[in-house]
Protein backbone atom coordinates (compact mmCIF):
# COMPACT_ATOMS: atom_id res chain seq x y z
CA UNK A 1 166.63 221.26 122.99
CA UNK A 2 168.56 218.53 121.30
CA UNK A 3 167.99 216.30 124.27
CA UNK A 4 164.25 216.79 124.07
CA UNK A 5 164.14 216.03 120.35
CA UNK A 6 166.18 212.94 120.92
CA UNK A 7 163.83 211.72 123.62
CA UNK A 8 160.82 212.39 121.43
CA UNK A 9 162.27 210.37 118.60
CA UNK A 10 162.97 207.49 120.93
CA UNK A 11 159.42 207.56 122.21
CA UNK A 12 157.98 207.61 118.67
CA UNK A 13 160.18 204.65 117.75
CA UNK A 14 158.97 202.64 120.72
CA UNK A 15 155.37 203.42 119.84
CA UNK A 16 155.88 202.33 116.22
CA UNK A 17 157.58 199.11 117.31
CA UNK A 18 154.74 198.35 119.70
CA UNK A 19 152.18 199.04 116.99
CA UNK A 20 154.03 196.76 114.58
CA UNK A 21 154.16 194.00 117.14
CA UNK A 22 150.44 194.37 117.86
CA UNK A 23 149.55 194.31 114.15
CA UNK A 24 151.67 191.24 113.59
CA UNK A 25 149.92 189.42 116.43
CA UNK A 26 146.53 190.14 114.84
CA UNK A 27 147.70 188.82 111.48
CA UNK A 28 149.12 185.67 112.98
CA UNK A 29 146.07 184.90 115.09
CA UNK A 30 143.46 185.73 112.42
CA UNK A 31 141.65 182.59 110.93
CA UNK A 32 142.11 181.68 107.25
CA UNK A 33 139.48 182.64 104.69
CA UNK A 34 137.85 180.48 102.00
CA UNK A 35 136.46 181.70 98.69
CA UNK A 36 133.15 180.29 97.41
CA UNK A 37 131.89 179.87 93.86
CA UNK A 38 129.88 183.03 94.37
CA UNK A 39 132.93 184.98 95.45
CA UNK A 40 131.80 185.10 99.08
CA UNK A 41 134.47 184.89 101.72
CA UNK A 42 133.48 182.68 104.67
CA UNK A 43 135.60 182.17 107.71
CA UNK A 44 136.53 178.49 108.25
CA UNK A 45 134.99 178.50 111.70
CA UNK A 46 131.53 178.79 110.05
CA UNK A 47 131.76 175.42 108.13
CA UNK A 48 129.04 173.00 109.19
CA UNK A 49 129.87 169.28 109.49
CA UNK A 50 127.62 166.88 107.60
CA UNK A 51 127.31 163.18 108.52
CA UNK A 52 126.37 160.67 105.79
CA UNK A 53 124.21 157.72 106.90
CA UNK A 54 122.77 154.86 104.81
CA UNK A 55 119.64 153.08 106.03
CA UNK A 56 118.03 150.09 104.29
CA UNK A 57 114.28 149.67 104.60
CA UNK A 58 112.00 146.74 103.92
CA UNK A 59 112.30 144.50 100.87
CA UNK A 60 109.32 143.99 98.58
CA UNK A 61 108.88 141.44 95.82
CA UNK A 62 107.17 142.91 92.77
CA UNK A 63 107.41 142.82 89.00
CA UNK A 64 109.18 139.49 89.13
CA UNK A 65 111.99 140.66 91.44
CA UNK A 66 112.80 142.08 94.84
CA UNK A 67 113.53 145.73 95.63
CA UNK A 68 114.72 147.35 98.84
CA UNK A 69 114.13 150.93 99.89
CA UNK A 70 117.48 152.61 100.68
CA UNK A 71 117.64 156.02 102.37
CA UNK A 72 120.73 158.26 102.25
CA UNK A 73 120.74 160.73 105.13
CA UNK A 74 122.83 163.94 105.11
CA UNK A 75 122.48 165.69 108.47
CA UNK A 76 124.05 168.52 110.38
CA UNK A 77 123.22 168.60 114.08
CA UNK A 78 120.25 166.31 113.36
CA UNK A 79 118.90 168.60 110.65
CA UNK A 80 118.47 167.37 107.10
CA UNK A 81 120.87 169.03 104.68
CA UNK A 82 119.53 167.62 101.45
CA UNK A 83 121.04 169.37 98.46
CA UNK A 84 124.28 170.20 100.27
CA UNK A 85 125.99 166.86 99.57
CA UNK A 86 126.24 164.89 96.33
CA UNK A 87 126.17 161.09 96.47
CA UNK A 88 127.44 158.83 93.66
CA UNK A 89 126.35 155.16 93.78
CA UNK A 90 127.74 152.37 91.59
CA UNK A 91 126.21 148.89 91.45
CA UNK A 92 124.11 146.42 89.44
CA UNK A 93 121.90 149.26 88.18
CA UNK A 94 124.84 151.33 86.93
CA UNK A 95 125.89 154.76 88.25
CA UNK A 96 123.39 156.88 90.16
CA UNK A 97 124.12 160.49 91.19
CA UNK A 98 121.79 162.09 93.70
CA UNK A 99 121.72 165.10 96.02
CA UNK A 100 118.17 166.33 96.43
CA UNK A 101 116.57 162.88 96.41
CA UNK A 102 117.52 160.83 99.45
CA UNK A 103 115.49 157.62 98.87
CA UNK A 104 115.83 155.03 96.12
CA UNK A 105 114.65 151.48 95.40
CA UNK A 106 117.55 149.12 94.70
CA UNK A 107 117.60 145.47 93.57
CA UNK A 108 119.81 142.92 95.34
CA UNK A 109 123.54 143.35 94.93
CA UNK A 110 126.72 145.03 96.20
CA UNK A 111 127.03 148.83 95.88
CA UNK A 112 129.85 151.36 96.41
CA UNK A 113 129.30 155.04 97.21
CA UNK A 114 131.21 158.30 97.41
CA UNK A 115 130.04 161.65 98.78
CA UNK A 116 131.25 165.23 98.56
CA UNK A 117 130.04 168.60 99.77
CA UNK A 118 128.62 170.84 97.05
CA UNK A 119 128.03 173.75 99.40
CA UNK A 120 131.05 175.69 100.71
CA UNK A 121 129.31 176.17 104.02
CA UNK A 122 129.34 172.40 104.68
CA UNK A 123 132.03 169.81 105.05
CA UNK A 124 131.79 166.03 105.38
CA UNK A 125 132.42 164.58 108.78
CA UNK A 126 133.40 160.93 108.89
CA UNK A 127 133.79 158.56 105.90
CA UNK A 128 133.15 160.03 102.46
CA UNK A 129 133.00 156.61 100.70
CA UNK A 130 132.01 153.04 101.46
CA UNK A 131 130.18 149.89 100.41
CA UNK A 132 126.84 148.28 101.26
CA UNK A 133 124.97 145.10 100.28
CA UNK A 134 121.26 144.89 99.45
CA UNK A 135 119.72 141.51 100.21
CA UNK A 136 116.92 140.04 98.12
CA UNK A 137 113.59 138.68 99.30
CA UNK A 138 111.20 135.97 98.13
CA UNK A 139 107.64 136.58 96.99
CA UNK A 140 105.03 136.45 99.69
CA UNK A 141 102.95 133.29 99.72
CA UNK A 142 99.81 132.37 101.57
CA UNK A 143 100.63 130.38 104.67
CA UNK A 144 98.85 127.03 104.95
CA UNK A 145 98.36 125.71 108.47
CA UNK A 146 99.13 122.03 108.98
CA UNK A 147 98.49 119.80 111.99
CA UNK A 148 100.43 116.63 112.71
CA UNK A 149 100.34 113.76 115.19
CA UNK A 150 101.82 110.31 115.72
CA UNK A 151 99.43 107.47 116.58
CA UNK A 152 100.98 104.25 118.00
CA UNK A 153 98.93 101.06 117.67
CA UNK A 154 98.96 97.84 119.72
CA UNK A 155 102.05 95.65 119.93
CA UNK A 156 102.18 92.48 117.86
CA UNK A 157 104.70 89.60 117.80
CA UNK A 158 106.15 89.33 114.31
CA UNK A 159 109.38 87.96 112.90
CA UNK A 160 110.47 86.83 116.38
CA UNK A 161 110.23 90.35 117.82
CA UNK A 162 107.82 92.86 119.32
CA UNK A 163 106.65 95.48 116.83
CA UNK A 164 104.27 98.39 117.19
CA UNK A 165 102.77 100.18 114.21
CA UNK A 166 103.07 103.97 114.26
CA UNK A 167 100.75 105.90 111.95
CA UNK A 168 101.24 109.50 110.78
CA UNK A 169 98.43 112.02 110.96
CA UNK A 170 99.13 114.94 108.59
CA UNK A 171 96.45 117.45 107.63
CA UNK A 172 96.43 118.57 104.89
CA UNK A 173 98.10 115.54 103.40
CA UNK A 174 101.61 116.28 102.13
CA UNK A 175 101.96 119.45 104.22
CA UNK A 176 104.75 118.12 106.42
CA UNK A 177 107.17 115.28 107.07
CA UNK A 178 107.26 113.52 110.43
CA UNK A 179 110.71 112.20 111.33
CA UNK A 180 110.60 109.38 113.91
CA UNK A 181 113.78 108.75 115.91
CA UNK A 182 115.69 111.00 113.53
CA UNK A 183 115.84 108.40 110.75
CA UNK A 184 112.33 107.27 109.80
CA UNK A 185 110.37 109.62 107.52
CA UNK A 186 106.57 109.59 107.39
CA UNK A 187 105.69 111.65 104.34
CA UNK A 188 101.94 111.21 103.89
CA UNK A 189 98.82 110.92 106.00
CA UNK A 190 98.04 107.38 107.12
CA UNK A 191 101.54 106.05 106.49
CA UNK A 192 102.51 103.39 109.04
CA UNK A 193 105.92 102.18 110.16
CA UNK A 194 106.84 99.50 112.70
CA UNK A 195 109.09 100.30 115.68
CA UNK A 196 110.40 98.18 118.50
CA UNK A 197 109.64 98.57 122.21
CA UNK A 198 111.07 101.58 124.04
CA UNK A 199 111.02 105.40 124.02
CA UNK A 200 110.76 107.22 120.71
CA UNK A 201 110.79 110.86 119.57
CA UNK A 202 109.35 112.64 116.56
CA UNK A 203 109.84 116.03 114.92
CA UNK A 204 108.13 117.85 112.07
CA UNK A 205 109.79 119.29 108.97
CA UNK A 206 107.79 121.81 106.91
CA UNK A 207 108.52 124.14 104.02
CA UNK A 208 106.71 127.19 102.71
CA UNK A 209 103.86 127.79 102.42
CA UNK A 210 103.10 125.39 105.29
CA UNK A 211 103.20 126.30 108.96
CA UNK A 212 102.74 123.87 111.83
CA UNK A 213 99.86 124.57 114.18
CA UNK A 214 100.29 122.97 117.58
CA UNK A 215 103.11 120.64 118.56
CA UNK A 216 106.00 120.32 116.13
CA UNK A 217 107.72 117.62 118.15
CA UNK A 218 106.88 114.96 120.71
CA UNK A 219 107.66 111.58 122.23
CA UNK A 220 105.92 108.26 122.84
CA UNK A 221 106.67 104.86 124.39
CA UNK A 222 105.91 101.41 122.98
CA UNK A 223 105.66 98.24 125.09
CA UNK A 224 106.97 94.78 124.38
CA UNK A 225 104.65 91.84 123.83
CA UNK A 226 105.05 88.08 124.27
CA UNK A 227 105.14 85.58 121.42
CA UNK A 228 102.01 83.58 120.76
CA UNK A 229 102.27 79.94 122.05
CA UNK A 230 100.59 77.41 119.74
CA UNK A 231 99.15 75.45 122.68
CA UNK A 232 97.25 78.54 123.69
CA UNK A 233 95.62 78.82 120.33
CA UNK A 234 92.30 76.99 120.24
CA UNK A 235 91.41 75.37 116.97
CA UNK A 236 87.80 76.10 116.17
CA UNK A 237 85.58 73.05 116.03
CA UNK A 238 84.47 71.92 112.62
CA UNK A 239 80.69 72.15 112.45
CA UNK A 240 78.83 68.87 111.74
CA UNK A 241 76.89 69.07 108.54
CA UNK A 242 73.80 66.80 108.58
CA UNK A 243 72.71 65.47 105.21
CA UNK A 244 68.95 64.99 104.97
CA UNK A 245 67.67 61.47 104.24
CA UNK A 246 67.04 60.87 100.57
CA UNK A 247 64.10 58.50 99.92
CA UNK A 248 64.95 55.38 97.91
CA UNK A 249 62.98 55.17 94.70
CA UNK A 250 62.80 51.75 93.03
CA UNK A 251 63.16 51.98 89.27
CA UNK A 252 60.04 50.96 87.36
CA UNK A 253 59.91 47.56 85.67
CA UNK A 254 60.10 47.97 81.94
CA UNK A 255 58.10 45.38 79.97
CA UNK A 256 58.68 44.67 76.30
CA UNK A 257 55.49 45.17 74.31
CA UNK A 258 53.86 41.98 72.97
CA UNK A 259 54.54 40.93 69.39
CA UNK A 260 51.55 41.77 67.17
CA UNK A 261 49.64 38.94 65.43
CA UNK A 262 50.82 37.94 61.94
CA UNK A 263 47.32 36.91 60.71
CA UNK A 264 43.90 36.67 62.18
CA UNK A 265 43.80 32.87 61.77
CA UNK A 266 47.36 32.32 62.96
CA UNK A 267 48.01 31.32 66.53
CA UNK A 268 50.73 33.31 68.21
CA UNK A 269 52.60 31.91 71.09
CA UNK A 270 53.21 34.72 73.51
CA UNK A 271 56.59 34.74 75.16
CA UNK A 272 57.08 36.55 78.47
CA UNK A 273 60.23 38.56 78.30
CA UNK A 274 60.52 39.05 82.04
CA UNK A 275 62.23 35.98 83.36
CA UNK A 276 61.90 34.84 86.91
CA UNK A 277 64.96 34.81 89.10
CA UNK A 278 66.96 31.71 88.21
CA UNK A 279 70.16 32.16 90.15
CA UNK A 280 72.13 32.10 86.87
CA UNK A 281 74.71 34.70 85.99
CA UNK A 282 74.32 37.05 83.05
CA UNK A 283 76.00 34.70 80.52
CA UNK A 284 73.93 31.68 81.51
CA UNK A 285 70.78 33.73 81.44
CA UNK A 286 71.55 34.89 77.88
CA UNK A 287 72.06 31.28 76.68
CA UNK A 288 68.82 30.18 78.31
CA UNK A 289 66.95 33.07 76.74
CA UNK A 290 68.36 32.17 73.29
CA UNK A 291 67.31 28.52 73.74
CA UNK A 292 63.79 29.56 74.68
CA UNK A 293 63.57 31.84 71.66
CA UNK A 294 64.67 28.97 69.32
CA UNK A 295 62.22 26.59 70.94
CA UNK A 296 59.41 29.05 70.51
CA UNK A 297 60.32 29.57 66.89
CA UNK A 298 60.28 25.77 66.32
CA UNK A 299 56.89 25.41 67.94
CA UNK A 300 55.51 28.25 65.83
CA UNK A 301 56.87 26.66 62.67
CA UNK A 302 55.25 23.32 63.60
CA UNK A 303 51.86 24.94 64.11
CA UNK A 304 52.05 26.66 60.73
CA UNK A 305 52.96 23.36 59.08
CA UNK A 306 49.97 21.61 60.64
CA UNK A 307 47.72 24.42 59.43
CA UNK A 308 49.02 24.10 55.88
CA UNK A 309 48.44 20.27 55.90
CA UNK A 310 44.87 20.75 57.11
CA UNK A 311 44.16 23.21 54.35
CA UNK A 312 45.50 20.92 51.65
CA UNK A 313 43.42 18.01 52.97
CA UNK A 314 40.23 20.04 52.88
CA UNK A 315 40.90 21.08 49.35
CA UNK A 316 41.32 17.46 48.15
CA UNK A 317 38.04 16.17 49.73
CA UNK A 318 35.97 18.76 48.07
């Protein structure tokens, strides 16, 4: 009897020890629990990982500045979990807190961000903070197409060297700059520069809103030319100018009018003023003319004296 009771007690003890060991193994192997704000208890194996991703979209220039669309993605197994994570953004616009909204327009600048799970069923996987930079953009302008070309002329010998004129063709004028041989700038349509013989290159430089249509670079070759030898230059003949014959016109002979009569009964000795050719010079001719005038005056005076004597004689006889 005592032996049976003793055996029974031993068996009960073994069973209790085995039960205790089994219970302890369950306690040790059981997962931890987590309390939520609502008082729910969720096993840690049910937490869902959330990955934060930042994607920048296109930049638009409006209202006098540029803005870029930035998307904040919170995903678990590819599924959007908006409202489960809170994002805090600090930058030029100040502090922005967002959870439901996942898109925002941001101006250029450097931004920092932090994220945290606001749902006990989710946990962040990967970085929970970081930095990103938003680049700016320029306003859109209407593109103007421009065509260019380089037009070499013929070689000429100048300043003891061969030179070839190169003319720029730029349409519209001022839409581009043509750089010849990397150092010579042709800035307007029709501009010409002289280059020596040899191979030359040209490239085009444009700025907004211009865009080159066609070739933006090229090459050309100019030849040398020989100096001009003076013996090879023919002097044009001077034309002979024939002067028409001018008829010789003899000047008319000018005669001095005759001296009018002093009285009807007075005899006037006429003197011809045109003298025949005498062979005298001008001085001798003048003296001769003066002598003739004095002689004529003496003869005239003698006639008048004779007339007066005749009149007095007639008066005395009567």
